[in-house]
């Protein structure tokens, strides 16, 4: 996730294909959905990227 945040600072992603090529992650949709589900389930993380506490 940190690689995505760091790469986002360089500029917004145009698509999931752009995200995949810049961060070198396979299936970024699944990664993001998993992170959002984790934040919604109430697991305490130091940083919440998608869901407000």
Foldseek 3Di string as FASTA:
>chain_A
DVLLVVVCVVDHAPDVVSSCVRSVDPPVVVVVVVLVVCVVVPDDDPDRDDDDD
